[in-house]
């Protein structure tokens, strides 16, 4: 009985240590990570600093562009918009 109790305790400890309290997956396995991500640059659009899409290019907006961001930035920078962008990449990849 003591041995079973010890196994249960160690299993629970492993589960507690390995889970993100928010329940959100914050990383992709190395094979699932893209090399880069296309990012919308259009300050007048709600799509600015999000994954590039058709909505990034609004009618009559000649300054809207999509640029390539290295995925390593997801691990290197802490800016809110980069965190949100990387979270959307993770959601897309896990569908």
Protein backbone atom coordinates (compact mmCIF):
# COMPACT_ATOMS: atom_id res chain seq x y z
CA UNK A 1 0.00 0.00 0.00
CA UNK A 2 2.84 2.42 0.81
CA UNK A 3 4.45 1.68 -2.53
CA UNK A 4 1.20 2.43 -4.36
CA UNK A 5 0.80 5.67 -2.43
CA UNK A 6 4.38 6.70 -3.32
CA UNK A 7 3.72 5.99 -7.02
CA UNK A 8 0.50 8.03 -6.94
CA UNK A 9 2.25 10.96 -5.22
CA UNK A 10 5.12 11.01 -7.71
CA UNK A 11 2.68 10.78 -10.64
CA UNK A 12 0.68 13.71 -9.31
CA UNK A 13 3.85 15.72 -8.81
CA UNK A 14 4.88 15.11 -12.42
CA UNK A 15 1.45 16.18 -13.65
CA UNK A 16 1.46 19.35 -11.58
CA UNK A 17 4.95 20.34 -12.71
CA UNK A 18 4.34 19.70 -16.42
CA UNK A 19 0.95 21.44 -16.79
CA UNK A 20 0.54 25.10 -17.63
CA UNK A 21 -1.90 26.48 -15.04
CA UNK A 22 -3.83 28.33 -17.74
CA UNK A 23 -4.33 25.14 -19.74
CA UNK A 24 -2.88 26.83 -22.81
CA UNK A 25 -0.22 25.12 -24.87
CA UNK A 26 2.61 27.64 -25.08
CA UNK A 27 5.06 25.79 -27.33
CA UNK A 28 5.05 23.67 -30.44
CA UNK A 29 7.19 20.57 -30.75
CA UNK A 30 10.33 21.34 -32.80
CA UNK A 31 9.07 19.50 -35.89
CA UNK A 32 5.81 21.47 -35.90
CA UNK A 33 7.47 24.88 -35.68
CA UNK A 34 7.54 26.92 -38.87
CA UNK A 35 10.81 28.59 -39.86
CA UNK A 36 9.02 31.91 -40.21
CA UNK A 37 5.61 33.56 -40.02
CA UNK A 38 4.09 36.13 -42.36
CA UNK A 39 2.96 39.20 -40.40
CA UNK A 40 0.58 41.96 -41.49
CA UNK A 41 1.89 45.52 -41.37
CA UNK A 42 -1.02 47.90 -41.78
CA UNK A 43 -1.34 50.27 -38.80
CA UNK A 44 -4.79 51.45 -39.90
CA UNK A 45 -6.20 47.91 -39.92
CA UNK A 46 -7.36 45.66 -37.07
CA UNK A 47 -5.19 42.99 -38.73
CA UNK A 48 -1.98 44.94 -37.97
CA UNK A 49 0.68 42.71 -36.34
CA UNK A 50 -1.42 39.58 -36.84
CA UNK A 51 -0.94 36.65 -39.20
CA UNK A 52 -1.04 37.84 -42.78
CA UNK A 53 -4.40 37.41 -44.50
CA UNK A 54 -6.46 39.02 -47.26
CA UNK A 55 -7.97 41.33 -44.64
CA UNK A 56 -4.53 42.90 -44.18
CA UNK A 57 -4.80 44.41 -47.66
CA UNK A 58 -7.69 46.84 -47.42
CA UNK A 59 -8.91 48.68 -50.52
CA UNK A 60 -6.87 51.82 -51.26
CA UNK A 61 -4.14 50.93 -48.75
CA UNK A 62 -0.93 50.99 -50.74
CA UNK A 63 1.23 50.82 -47.62
CA UNK A 64 -0.12 47.49 -46.37
CA UNK A 65 2.49 44.74 -46.56
CA UNK A 66 3.15 41.33 -45.12
CA UNK A 67 6.64 40.68 -43.85
CA UNK A 68 8.47 37.56 -42.77
CA UNK A 69 9.18 37.20 -39.05
CA UNK A 70 11.55 34.43 -37.92
CA UNK A 71 9.68 32.02 -35.64
CA UNK A 72 12.59 32.18 -33.17
CA UNK A 73 11.24 35.58 -32.17
CA UNK A 74 8.42 33.68 -30.42
CA UNK A 75 11.00 32.45 -27.93
CA UNK A 76 13.28 35.49 -27.84
CA UNK A 77 10.94 38.46 -27.43
CA UNK A 78 8.26 39.26 -24.88
CA UNK A 79 6.28 41.98 -26.65
CA UNK A 80 2.55 41.42 -26.30
CA UNK A 81 1.83 41.45 -30.03
CA UNK A 82 4.52 38.81 -30.67
CA UNK A 83 3.11 36.61 -27.90
CA UNK A 84 -0.40 36.93 -29.36
CA UNK A 85 0.87 36.24 -32.88
CA UNK A 86 2.76 33.15 -31.75
CA UNK A 87 -0.27 31.90 -29.82
CA UNK A 88 -2.34 32.17 -33.00
CA UNK A 89 0.32 30.18 -34.89
CA UNK A 90 0.15 27.48 -32.22
CA UNK A 91 -3.66 27.36 -32.44
CA UNK A 92 -3.49 27.06 -36.23
CA UNK A 93 -0.90 24.27 -36.11
CA UNK A 94 -2.82 22.26 -33.51
CA UNK A 95 -6.12 22.21 -35.46
